[in-house]
Amino acid sequence: MQPTLLEIEIHTVTSVESSYRTIATMALAFSQDPAARWLFPDSSDFTKNFSEFVQAFAGKSFAQESAFYTDDFTGSALWLGPDVSGDEEAVISLISERVPEDRLDETFAVFSQMDEFHPEFPHWYLPLIGVDPIHHGKGHGSALLRHVLKECDRTGIPAYLESSSPANIPLYERHGFNVIGEIQAGNSPVIYPMLRPG
């Protein structure tokens, strides 16, 4: 019997070991993601580089204690609070060194568009959320979303994310997010910026 949404416990990443396991979950979750695999199309490149991408793109969530996981690291979410911004220098460095040269211009164009959509007002940002594919549809993603969104509701602060897979849009819409545009460059997959009002 699968757990209900109320039975899924959310834990805060507080140790090096739990951060490694959280990143491993994220790598599993994104192994078939359109944008992640466009970034690293070769399977060995993906395996070698995606964990470092997670650290560069959302690693500040670990220091801010806004990285969360469900029981047995089935799912994880890396949130950045209203007073925290991502590590742009680390992302640029990783892209420059690891992304295939023939897609560097398009990759930087995608990230430039992401910056254009990113809200300038205080908000909670969800750079990455993922669930082990064998546990999809069991409520782990919803539980991870609700864990921070209830704080957004309490304080009236908006939340923002980019959906790299159209299949996930209905989940985010059920939690109050709305698509506010499309991000795409060259032959990249479409990424959907989504905002949840405060």
N, C-alpha and C. Protein backbone atom coordinates (compact mmCIF):
# COMPACT_ATOMS: atom_id res chain seq x y z
N MET A 1 0.84 -1.19 0.00
CA MET A 1 0.00 0.00 0.00
C MET A 1 0.88 1.25 0.00
N GLN A 2 0.61 2.17 -0.92
CA GLN A 2 1.44 3.37 -0.98
C GLN A 2 0.99 4.39 0.06
N PRO A 3 1.92 5.22 0.56
CA PRO A 3 1.57 6.21 1.57
C PRO A 3 0.70 7.31 0.98
N THR A 4 -0.17 7.89 1.83
CA THR A 4 -0.95 9.04 1.39
C THR A 4 -0.08 10.27 1.52
N LEU A 5 -0.58 11.38 0.94
CA LEU A 5 0.18 12.63 0.97
C LEU A 5 0.50 13.05 2.40
N LEU A 6 -0.44 12.80 3.31
CA LEU A 6 -0.22 13.20 4.70
C LEU A 6 0.80 12.30 5.39
N GLU A 7 1.01 11.08 4.88
CA GLU A 7 1.94 10.16 5.51
C GLU A 7 3.37 10.30 4.99
N ILE A 8 3.55 11.02 3.89
CA ILE A 8 4.89 11.20 3.32
C ILE A 8 5.63 12.24 4.15
N GLU A 9 6.69 11.81 4.79
CA GLU A 9 7.45 12.72 5.64
C GLU A 9 8.51 13.45 4.83
N ILE A 10 8.68 14.73 5.15
CA ILE A 10 9.68 15.55 4.49
C ILE A 10 10.81 15.80 5.49
N HIS A 11 12.04 15.62 5.02
CA HIS A 11 13.22 15.82 5.87
C HIS A 11 14.10 16.90 5.25
N THR A 12 14.80 17.63 6.10
CA THR A 12 15.75 18.63 5.64
C THR A 12 17.12 18.00 5.51
N VAL A 13 17.80 18.31 4.42
CA VAL A 13 19.17 17.82 4.22
C VAL A 13 20.07 18.55 5.22
N THR A 14 20.73 17.77 6.09
CA THR A 14 21.56 18.38 7.14
C THR A 14 22.96 17.79 7.22
N SER A 15 23.28 16.86 6.34
CA SER A 15 24.61 16.23 6.40
C SER A 15 25.16 16.06 4.99
N VAL A 16 26.45 15.83 4.91
CA VAL A 16 27.08 15.59 3.61
C VAL A 16 26.49 14.34 2.97
N GLU A 17 26.29 13.29 3.78
CA GLU A 17 25.73 12.05 3.23
C GLU A 17 24.34 12.28 2.66
N SER A 18 23.49 13.02 3.39
CA SER A 18 22.14 13.24 2.88
C SER A 18 22.15 14.14 1.65
N SER A 19 23.13 15.04 1.55
CA SER A 19 23.21 15.86 0.33
C SER A 19 23.62 14.99 -0.86
N TYR A 20 24.55 14.06 -0.67
CA TYR A 20 24.94 13.16 -1.75
C TYR A 20 23.75 12.31 -2.21
N ARG A 21 23.00 11.80 -1.26
CA ARG A 21 21.86 10.95 -1.61
C ARG A 21 20.76 11.76 -2.30
N THR A 22 20.59 13.00 -1.86
CA THR A 22 19.61 13.88 -2.50
C THR A 22 19.99 14.15 -3.95
N ILE A 23 21.26 14.41 -4.19
CA ILE A 23 21.73 14.67 -5.55
C ILE A 23 21.61 13.40 -6.40
N ALA A 24 21.87 12.24 -5.81
CA ALA A 24 21.71 10.98 -6.55
C ALA A 24 20.26 10.78 -6.98
N THR A 25 19.33 11.11 -6.09
CA THR A 25 17.91 11.04 -6.44
C THR A 25 17.60 11.97 -7.60
N MET A 26 18.16 13.18 -7.54
CA MET A 26 17.92 14.16 -8.60
C MET A 26 18.45 13.64 -9.93
N ALA A 27 19.62 13.01 -9.92
CA ALA A 27 20.19 12.46 -11.16
C ALA A 27 19.29 11.37 -11.74
N LEU A 28 18.75 10.50 -10.88
CA LEU A 28 17.81 9.49 -11.35
C LEU A 28 16.58 10.15 -11.97
N ALA A 29 16.06 11.15 -11.28
CA ALA A 29 14.84 11.81 -11.72
C ALA A 29 15.01 12.51 -13.07
N PHE A 30 16.20 13.05 -13.31
CA PHE A 30 16.43 13.82 -14.53
C PHE A 30 17.10 13.02 -15.64
N SER A 31 17.26 11.72 -15.44
CA SER A 31 17.97 10.91 -16.44
C SER A 31 17.23 10.84 -17.77
N GLN A 32 15.92 11.12 -17.76
CA GLN A 32 15.15 11.13 -19.01
C GLN A 32 14.51 12.49 -19.27
N ASP A 33 14.94 13.50 -18.52
CA ASP A 33 14.37 14.84 -18.67
C ASP A 33 14.83 15.46 -19.98
N PRO A 34 13.91 16.05 -20.76
CA PRO A 34 14.29 16.60 -22.07
C PRO A 34 15.41 17.63 -22.01
N ALA A 35 15.32 18.58 -21.09
CA ALA A 35 16.33 19.65 -21.03
C ALA A 35 17.67 19.14 -20.50
N ALA A 36 17.62 18.29 -19.47
CA ALA A 36 18.87 17.77 -18.90
C ALA A 36 19.62 16.92 -19.92
N ARG A 37 18.88 16.12 -20.70
CA ARG A 37 19.54 15.26 -21.68
C ARG A 37 19.93 16.04 -22.93
N TRP A 38 19.27 17.16 -23.19
CA TRP A 38 19.74 18.04 -24.27
C TRP A 38 21.07 18.68 -23.86
N LEU A 39 21.17 19.04 -22.59
CA LEU A 39 22.40 19.64 -22.06
C LEU A 39 23.55 18.64 -22.11
N PHE A 40 23.26 17.39 -21.70
CA PHE A 40 24.26 16.32 -21.68
C PHE A 40 23.70 15.11 -22.43
N PRO A 41 23.72 15.13 -23.77
CA PRO A 41 23.07 14.07 -24.54
C PRO A 41 23.75 12.71 -24.43
N ASP A 42 25.05 12.70 -24.23
CA ASP A 42 25.78 11.44 -24.09
C ASP A 42 25.56 10.90 -22.67
N SER A 43 25.18 9.64 -22.56
CA SER A 43 24.85 9.09 -21.24
C SER A 43 26.02 9.15 -20.27
N SER A 44 27.23 8.91 -20.76
CA SER A 44 28.37 8.97 -19.85
C SER A 44 28.65 10.41 -19.43
N ASP A 45 28.44 11.38 -20.32
CA ASP A 45 28.60 12.79 -19.95
C ASP A 45 27.56 13.19 -18.91
N PHE A 46 26.32 12.71 -19.10
CA PHE A 46 25.27 13.02 -18.13
C PHE A 46 25.65 12.46 -16.76
N THR A 47 26.05 11.20 -16.73
CA THR A 47 26.41 10.56 -15.46
C THR A 47 27.57 11.28 -14.78
N LYS A 48 28.53 11.72 -15.57
CA LYS A 48 29.72 12.36 -15.03
C LYS A 48 29.44 13.79 -14.56
N ASN A 49 28.55 14.51 -15.25
CA ASN A 49 28.42 15.95 -15.03
C ASN A 49 27.16 16.42 -14.31
N PHE A 50 26.10 15.61 -14.30
CA PHE A 50 24.84 16.16 -13.80
C PHE A 50 24.89 16.48 -12.31
N SER A 51 25.58 15.67 -11.53
CA SER A 51 25.67 15.96 -10.09
C SER A 51 26.34 17.31 -9.84
N GLU A 52 27.36 17.62 -10.63
CA GLU A 52 28.02 18.92 -10.49
C GLU A 52 27.10 20.04 -10.96
N PHE A 53 26.29 19.77 -11.97
CA PHE A 53 25.32 20.77 -12.41
C PHE A 53 24.33 21.08 -11.29
N VAL A 54 23.85 20.04 -10.61
CA VAL A 54 22.93 20.25 -9.48
C VAL A 54 23.58 21.15 -8.44
N GLN A 55 24.82 20.87 -8.11
CA GLN A 55 25.54 21.69 -7.12
C GLN A 55 25.66 23.14 -7.57
N ALA A 56 25.99 23.34 -8.85
CA ALA A 56 26.16 24.70 -9.36
C ALA A 56 24.83 25.44 -9.42
N PHE A 57 23.80 24.75 -9.90
CA PHE A 57 22.51 25.39 -10.17
C PHE A 57 21.69 25.61 -8.90
N ALA A 58 21.78 24.70 -7.95
CA ALA A 58 20.91 24.78 -6.78
C ALA A 58 21.61 24.46 -5.47
N GLY A 59 22.93 24.37 -5.49
CA GLY A 59 23.68 23.94 -4.31
C GLY A 59 23.52 24.83 -3.09
N LYS A 60 23.18 26.11 -3.30
CA LYS A 60 23.01 27.00 -2.15
C LYS A 60 21.87 26.55 -1.24
N SER A 61 20.97 25.74 -1.76
CA SER A 61 19.86 25.25 -0.93
C SER A 61 20.37 24.39 0.23
N PHE A 62 21.50 23.72 0.05
CA PHE A 62 22.04 22.89 1.13
C PHE A 62 22.50 23.76 2.29
N ALA A 63 23.23 24.81 1.99
CA ALA A 63 23.72 25.71 3.05
C ALA A 63 22.58 26.46 3.73
N GLN A 64 21.51 26.73 2.98
CA GLN A 64 20.38 27.49 3.52
C GLN A 64 19.36 26.59 4.22
N GLU A 65 19.62 25.29 4.24
CA GLU A 65 18.69 24.31 4.82
C GLU A 65 17.31 24.40 4.17
N SER A 66 17.33 24.59 2.85
CA SER A 66 16.08 24.58 2.08
C SER A 66 16.13 23.50 1.00
N ALA A 67 16.91 22.44 1.29
CA ALA A 67 16.94 21.24 0.46
C ALA A 67 16.22 20.15 1.25
N PHE A 68 15.26 19.49 0.60
CA PHE A 68 14.40 18.54 1.30
C PHE A 68 14.32 17.21 0.54
N TYR A 69 14.01 16.16 1.30
CA TYR A 69 13.84 14.85 0.67
C TYR A 69 12.74 14.09 1.39
N THR A 70 12.14 13.14 0.67
CA THR A 70 11.13 12.28 1.28
C THR A 70 11.80 11.00 1.78
N ASP A 71 11.05 10.20 2.52
CA ASP A 71 11.60 8.97 3.10
C ASP A 71 12.37 8.16 2.06
N ASP A 72 13.49 7.59 2.50
CA ASP A 72 14.33 6.76 1.65
C ASP A 72 14.86 7.50 0.42
N PHE A 73 14.85 8.82 0.46
CA PHE A 73 15.35 9.65 -0.64
C PHE A 73 14.63 9.33 -1.95
N THR A 74 13.34 9.03 -1.83
CA THR A 74 12.54 8.74 -3.01
C THR A 74 12.38 9.98 -3.89
N GLY A 75 12.26 11.13 -3.25
CA GLY A 75 12.14 12.39 -3.98
C GLY A 75 12.93 13.47 -3.28
N SER A 76 13.28 14.52 -4.01
CA SER A 76 13.99 15.63 -3.39
C SER A 76 13.62 16.93 -4.08
N ALA A 77 13.74 18.02 -3.33
CA ALA A 77 13.46 19.36 -3.86
C ALA A 77 14.49 20.32 -3.30
N LEU A 78 15.05 21.11 -4.18
CA LEU A 78 16.06 22.10 -3.79
C LEU A 78 15.47 23.48 -4.01
N TRP A 79 15.11 24.13 -2.91
CA TRP A 79 14.47 25.45 -2.95
C TRP A 79 15.49 26.52 -2.58
N LEU A 80 15.31 27.71 -3.14
CA LEU A 80 16.08 28.89 -2.74
C LEU A 80 15.09 29.92 -2.22
N GLY A 81 15.32 30.38 -0.99
CA GLY A 81 14.41 31.31 -0.35
C GLY A 81 14.48 32.71 -0.94
N PRO A 82 13.60 33.59 -0.48
CA PRO A 82 13.49 34.94 -1.04
C PRO A 82 14.77 35.76 -0.98
N ASP A 83 15.64 35.46 -0.03
CA ASP A 83 16.86 36.26 0.12
C ASP A 83 18.10 35.55 -0.43
N VAL A 84 17.89 34.50 -1.24
CA VAL A 84 19.01 33.70 -1.76
C VAL A 84 18.95 33.68 -3.28
N SER A 85 20.07 33.93 -3.93
CA SER A 85 20.12 33.83 -5.39
C SER A 85 21.06 32.69 -5.76
N GLY A 86 20.86 32.17 -6.97
CA GLY A 86 21.69 31.06 -7.43
C GLY A 86 23.13 31.50 -7.66
N ASP A 87 23.99 30.53 -7.86
CA ASP A 87 25.41 30.79 -8.09
C ASP A 87 25.67 30.88 -9.59
N GLU A 88 25.44 32.07 -10.14
CA GLU A 88 25.54 32.27 -11.59
C GLU A 88 26.94 31.97 -12.11
N GLU A 89 27.95 32.36 -11.36
CA GLU A 89 29.34 32.12 -11.80
C GLU A 89 29.62 30.63 -11.92
N ALA A 90 29.15 29.84 -10.95
CA ALA A 90 29.37 28.40 -10.99
C ALA A 90 28.67 27.76 -12.18
N VAL A 91 27.45 28.23 -12.47
CA VAL A 91 26.70 27.69 -13.61
C VAL A 91 27.41 28.02 -14.92
N ILE A 92 27.83 29.27 -15.08
CA ILE A 92 28.53 29.68 -16.31
C ILE A 92 29.82 28.88 -16.48
N SER A 93 30.56 28.70 -15.41
CA SER A 93 31.81 27.95 -15.47
C SER A 93 31.56 26.50 -15.88
N LEU A 94 30.56 25.88 -15.26
CA LEU A 94 30.27 24.48 -15.58
C LEU A 94 29.82 24.32 -17.03
N ILE A 95 28.93 25.21 -17.47
CA ILE A 95 28.47 25.14 -18.86
C ILE A 95 29.65 25.29 -19.82
N SER A 96 30.49 26.26 -19.56
CA SER A 96 31.64 26.53 -20.44
C SER A 96 32.57 25.33 -20.55
N GLU A 97 32.73 24.61 -19.44
CA GLU A 97 33.69 23.50 -19.40
C GLU A 97 33.09 22.16 -19.81
N ARG A 98 31.78 21.96 -19.60
CA ARG A 98 31.22 20.61 -19.72
C ARG A 98 30.21 20.40 -20.85
N VAL A 99 29.52 21.46 -21.24
CA VAL A 99 28.50 21.29 -22.28
C VAL A 99 29.19 21.16 -23.64
N PRO A 100 28.71 20.25 -24.51
CA PRO A 100 29.32 20.10 -25.84
C PRO A 100 29.42 21.45 -26.57
N GLU A 101 30.55 21.67 -27.20
CA GLU A 101 30.85 22.97 -27.81
C GLU A 101 29.81 23.38 -28.84
N ASP A 102 29.25 22.40 -29.57
CA ASP A 102 28.30 22.74 -30.63
C ASP A 102 26.97 23.25 -30.10
N ARG A 103 26.75 23.19 -28.79
CA ARG A 103 25.50 23.73 -28.26
C ARG A 103 25.71 24.79 -27.18
N LEU A 104 26.93 25.29 -27.07
CA LEU A 104 27.22 26.32 -26.06
C LEU A 104 26.40 27.58 -26.27
N ASP A 105 26.36 28.11 -27.51
CA ASP A 105 25.62 29.35 -27.76
C ASP A 105 24.14 29.19 -27.41
N GLU A 106 23.56 28.06 -27.81
CA GLU A 106 22.14 27.83 -27.51
C GLU A 106 21.93 27.69 -26.01
N THR A 107 22.85 27.02 -25.33
CA THR A 107 22.72 26.85 -23.88
C THR A 107 22.75 28.19 -23.17
N PHE A 108 23.69 29.04 -23.54
CA PHE A 108 23.76 30.36 -22.92
C PHE A 108 22.52 31.19 -23.26
N ALA A 109 21.98 31.01 -24.48
CA ALA A 109 20.75 31.72 -24.85
C ALA A 109 19.58 31.27 -23.99
N VAL A 110 19.50 29.97 -23.71
CA VAL A 110 18.44 29.45 -22.83
C VAL A 110 18.56 30.06 -21.44
N PHE A 111 19.76 30.06 -20.88
CA PHE A 111 19.94 30.60 -19.53
C PHE A 111 19.69 32.11 -19.50
N SER A 112 19.99 32.80 -20.59
CA SER A 112 19.70 34.23 -20.67
C SER A 112 18.19 34.47 -20.64
N GLN A 113 17.44 33.65 -21.36
CA GLN A 113 15.98 33.76 -21.34
C GLN A 113 15.43 33.42 -19.96
N MET A 114 16.03 32.43 -19.31
CA MET A 114 15.59 32.10 -17.95
C MET A 114 15.74 33.31 -17.03
N ASP A 115 16.86 34.03 -17.17
CA ASP A 115 17.07 35.24 -16.38
C ASP A 115 15.99 36.29 -16.64
N GLU A 116 15.58 36.41 -17.90
CA GLU A 116 14.57 37.40 -18.26
C GLU A 116 13.22 37.12 -17.59
N PHE A 117 12.87 35.85 -17.47
CA PHE A 117 11.59 35.49 -16.85
C PHE A 117 11.65 35.48 -15.32
N HIS A 118 12.86 35.32 -14.79
CA HIS A 118 12.99 35.17 -13.33
C HIS A 118 12.49 36.43 -12.62
N PRO A 119 11.59 36.29 -11.66
CA PRO A 119 11.03 37.47 -10.98
C PRO A 119 12.10 38.27 -10.24
N GLU A 120 11.91 39.58 -10.21
CA GLU A 120 12.82 40.45 -9.48
C GLU A 120 12.31 40.74 -8.07
N PHE A 121 11.04 40.44 -7.81
CA PHE A 121 10.47 40.65 -6.47
C PHE A 121 10.78 39.43 -5.59
N PRO A 122 10.67 39.58 -4.27
CA PRO A 122 10.96 38.44 -3.37
C PRO A 122 10.07 37.24 -3.69
N HIS A 123 10.66 36.07 -3.72
CA HIS A 123 9.92 34.85 -4.04
C HIS A 123 10.73 33.64 -3.61
N TRP A 124 10.05 32.51 -3.49
CA TRP A 124 10.72 31.22 -3.33
C TRP A 124 10.94 30.66 -4.72
N TYR A 125 12.16 30.20 -4.97
CA TYR A 125 12.51 29.65 -6.29
C TYR A 125 12.82 28.17 -6.15
N LEU A 126 12.24 27.38 -7.03
CA LEU A 126 12.47 25.93 -7.05
C LEU A 126 13.29 25.57 -8.29
N PRO A 127 14.63 25.61 -8.18
CA PRO A 127 15.45 25.26 -9.34
C PRO A 127 15.29 23.81 -9.77
N LEU A 128 15.15 22.90 -8.78
CA LEU A 128 15.11 21.48 -9.10
C LEU A 128 14.21 20.73 -8.13
N ILE A 129 13.38 19.87 -8.69
CA ILE A 129 12.59 18.92 -7.90
C ILE A 129 12.55 17.63 -8.71
N GLY A 130 12.69 16.50 -8.04
CA GLY A 130 12.69 15.24 -8.77
C GLY A 130 12.31 14.07 -7.90
N VAL A 131 11.73 13.06 -8.53
CA VAL A 131 11.33 11.83 -7.86
C VAL A 131 11.89 10.66 -8.65
N ASP A 132 12.41 9.67 -7.95
CA ASP A 132 12.88 8.44 -8.58
C ASP A 132 11.77 7.93 -9.51
N PRO A 133 12.07 7.70 -10.79
CA PRO A 133 11.02 7.33 -11.75
C PRO A 133 10.17 6.13 -11.34
N ILE A 134 10.71 5.18 -10.59
CA ILE A 134 9.88 4.03 -10.20
C ILE A 134 8.86 4.40 -9.14
N HIS A 135 8.92 5.62 -8.61
CA HIS A 135 7.96 6.07 -7.60
C HIS A 135 7.09 7.22 -8.08
N HIS A 136 7.07 7.47 -9.39
CA HIS A 136 6.21 8.53 -9.91
C HIS A 136 4.74 8.23 -9.60
N GLY A 137 3.97 9.27 -9.39
CA GLY A 137 2.53 9.12 -9.19
C GLY A 137 2.13 8.68 -7.80
N LYS A 138 3.04 8.71 -6.85
CA LYS A 138 2.74 8.27 -5.49
C LYS A 138 2.65 9.42 -4.49
N GLY A 139 2.71 10.66 -4.98
CA GLY A 139 2.51 11.81 -4.10
C GLY A 139 3.76 12.46 -3.56
N HIS A 140 4.94 11.94 -3.91
CA HIS A 140 6.17 12.51 -3.36
C HIS A 140 6.42 13.93 -3.88
N GLY A 141 6.18 14.15 -5.17
CA GLY A 141 6.36 15.48 -5.73
C GLY A 141 5.42 16.49 -5.09
N SER A 142 4.16 16.10 -4.92
CA SER A 142 3.19 17.00 -4.28
C SER A 142 3.57 17.31 -2.85
N ALA A 143 4.04 16.30 -2.13
CA ALA A 143 4.44 16.52 -0.73
C ALA A 143 5.61 17.49 -0.65
N LEU A 144 6.57 17.35 -1.56
CA LEU A 144 7.73 18.25 -1.57
C LEU A 144 7.33 19.67 -1.94
N LEU A 145 6.39 19.81 -2.86
CA LEU A 145 5.90 21.14 -3.21
C LEU A 145 5.17 21.78 -2.03
N ARG A 146 4.25 21.03 -1.45
CA ARG A 146 3.43 21.58 -0.36
C ARG A 146 4.26 21.99 0.84
N HIS A 147 5.38 21.33 1.05
CA HIS A 147 6.22 21.62 2.22
C HIS A 147 6.64 23.09 2.26
N VAL A 148 6.98 23.65 1.11
CA VAL A 148 7.38 25.07 1.07
C VAL A 148 6.20 25.96 0.69
N LEU A 149 5.29 25.47 -0.13
CA LEU A 149 4.17 26.31 -0.55
C LEU A 149 3.27 26.71 0.62
N LYS A 150 3.20 25.88 1.66
CA LYS A 150 2.41 26.29 2.82
C LYS A 150 3.05 27.50 3.50
N GLU A 151 4.38 27.60 3.45
CA GLU A 151 5.07 28.78 3.97
C GLU A 151 4.81 29.98 3.06
N CYS A 152 4.77 29.75 1.76
CA CYS A 152 4.42 30.83 0.82
C CYS A 152 3.02 31.36 1.14
N ASP A 153 2.08 30.46 1.39
CA ASP A 153 0.72 30.88 1.71
C ASP A 153 0.67 31.65 3.03
N ARG A 154 1.44 31.21 4.00
CA ARG A 154 1.44 31.86 5.31
C ARG A 154 1.99 33.28 5.23
N THR A 155 3.00 33.47 4.39
CA THR A 155 3.68 34.78 4.32
C THR A 155 3.25 35.62 3.12
N GLY A 156 2.48 35.04 2.21
CA GLY A 156 2.05 35.77 1.03
C GLY A 156 3.13 35.98 -0.01
N ILE A 157 4.15 35.12 0.01
CA ILE A 157 5.27 35.26 -0.93
C ILE A 157 5.04 34.35 -2.14
N PRO A 158 5.24 34.86 -3.35
CA PRO A 158 5.08 34.04 -4.56
C PRO A 158 6.15 32.95 -4.64
N ALA A 159 5.91 32.00 -5.54
CA ALA A 159 6.89 30.95 -5.83
C ALA A 159 7.07 30.87 -7.34
N TYR A 160 8.26 30.46 -7.75
CA TYR A 160 8.60 30.43 -9.17
C TYR A 160 9.41 29.18 -9.48
N LEU A 161 9.21 28.62 -10.67
CA LEU A 161 9.99 27.48 -11.14
C LEU A 161 10.03 27.49 -12.66
N GLU A 162 10.88 26.66 -13.22
CA GLU A 162 10.87 26.38 -14.65
C GLU A 162 10.61 24.89 -14.82
N SER A 163 9.57 24.56 -15.57
CA SER A 163 9.29 23.15 -15.85
C SER A 163 10.02 22.75 -17.12
N SER A 164 10.96 21.82 -16.97
CA SER A 164 11.73 21.36 -18.12
C SER A 164 11.05 20.22 -18.86
N SER A 165 9.90 19.79 -18.36
CA SER A 165 9.14 18.73 -19.02
C SER A 165 7.67 19.11 -19.05
N PRO A 166 7.05 19.13 -20.23
CA PRO A 166 5.63 19.47 -20.29
C PRO A 166 4.76 18.50 -19.50
N ALA A 167 5.25 17.28 -19.29
CA ALA A 167 4.47 16.29 -18.54
C ALA A 167 4.25 16.70 -17.09
N ASN A 168 5.12 17.57 -16.56
CA ASN A 168 4.99 17.98 -15.16
C ASN A 168 4.12 19.21 -14.95
N ILE A 169 3.74 19.88 -16.04
CA ILE A 169 2.96 21.11 -15.90
C ILE A 169 1.66 20.90 -15.14
N PRO A 170 0.87 19.84 -15.42
CA PRO A 170 -0.38 19.66 -14.67
C PRO A 170 -0.16 19.55 -13.15
N LEU A 171 0.93 18.90 -12.73
CA LEU A 171 1.23 18.81 -11.30
C LEU A 171 1.42 20.20 -10.72
N TYR A 172 2.22 21.01 -11.39
CA TYR A 172 2.48 22.36 -10.88
C TYR A 172 1.21 23.22 -10.91
N GLU A 173 0.40 23.05 -11.95
CA GLU A 173 -0.85 23.81 -12.02
C GLU A 173 -1.79 23.45 -10.87
N ARG A 174 -1.82 22.17 -10.49
CA ARG A 174 -2.66 21.76 -9.35
C ARG A 174 -2.23 22.45 -8.06
N HIS A 175 -0.98 22.88 -8.01
CA HIS A 175 -0.46 23.55 -6.82
C HIS A 175 -0.41 25.07 -6.98
N GLY A 176 -1.12 25.58 -7.98
CA GLY A 176 -1.30 27.02 -8.11
C GLY A 176 -0.35 27.75 -9.03
N PHE A 177 0.55 27.03 -9.70
CA PHE A 177 1.47 27.68 -10.64
C PHE A 177 0.79 27.88 -11.99
N ASN A 178 1.19 28.94 -12.68
CA ASN A 178 0.69 29.23 -14.03
C ASN A 178 1.87 29.42 -14.97
N VAL A 179 1.74 28.88 -16.19
CA VAL A 179 2.77 29.10 -17.21
C VAL A 179 2.75 30.57 -17.61
N ILE A 180 3.91 31.21 -17.62
CA ILE A 180 3.98 32.63 -17.97
C ILE A 180 4.78 32.88 -19.25
N GLY A 181 5.17 31.83 -19.95
CA GLY A 181 5.91 32.02 -21.19
C GLY A 181 6.57 30.73 -21.63
N GLU A 182 7.46 30.85 -22.60
CA GLU A 182 8.23 29.71 -23.09
C GLU A 182 9.68 30.13 -23.28
N ILE A 183 10.58 29.23 -22.97
CA ILE A 183 12.02 29.46 -23.13
C ILE A 183 12.53 28.42 -24.12
N GLN A 184 13.17 28.90 -25.19
CA GLN A 184 13.66 27.96 -26.20
C GLN A 184 14.67 28.66 -27.08
N ALA A 185 15.73 27.97 -27.44
CA ALA A 185 16.75 28.53 -28.33
C ALA A 185 17.27 27.43 -29.25
N GLY A 186 17.33 27.70 -30.54
CA GLY A 186 17.84 26.70 -31.48
C GLY A 186 17.03 25.43 -31.42
N ASN A 187 17.71 24.30 -31.18
CA ASN A 187 17.01 23.02 -31.12
C ASN A 187 16.79 22.56 -29.68
N SER A 188 16.86 23.48 -28.73
CA SER A 188 16.62 23.09 -27.33
C SER A 188 15.16 22.73 -27.13
N PRO A 189 14.87 21.86 -26.17
CA PRO A 189 13.47 21.63 -25.82
C PRO A 189 12.89 22.89 -25.18
N VAL A 190 11.58 23.01 -25.21
CA VAL A 190 10.92 24.16 -24.60
C VAL A 190 10.90 23.99 -23.09
N ILE A 191 11.25 25.05 -22.38
CA ILE A 191 11.17 25.10 -20.92
C ILE A 191 10.08 26.10 -20.58
N TYR A 192 9.28 25.79 -19.57
CA TYR A 192 8.11 26.61 -19.24
C TYR A 192 8.30 27.30 -17.89
N PRO A 193 8.52 28.63 -17.89
CA PRO A 193 8.57 29.35 -16.61
C PRO A 193 7.17 29.40 -16.01
N MET A 194 7.08 29.17 -14.71
CA MET A 194 5.78 29.12 -14.04
C MET A 194 5.84 29.92 -12.74
N LEU A 195 4.80 30.70 -12.51
CA LEU A 195 4.72 31.56 -11.33
C LEU A 195 3.48 31.22 -10.52
N ARG A 196 3.66 31.17 -9.23
CA ARG A 196 2.53 30.99 -8.30
C ARG A 196 2.39 32.29 -7.51
N PRO A 197 1.29 33.01 -7.69
CA PRO A 197 1.15 34.30 -7.01
C PRO A 197 1.15 34.15 -5.50
N GLY A 198 1.53 35.22 -4.82
CA GLY A 198 1.54 35.23 -3.36
C GLY A 198 0.16 35.42 -2.79
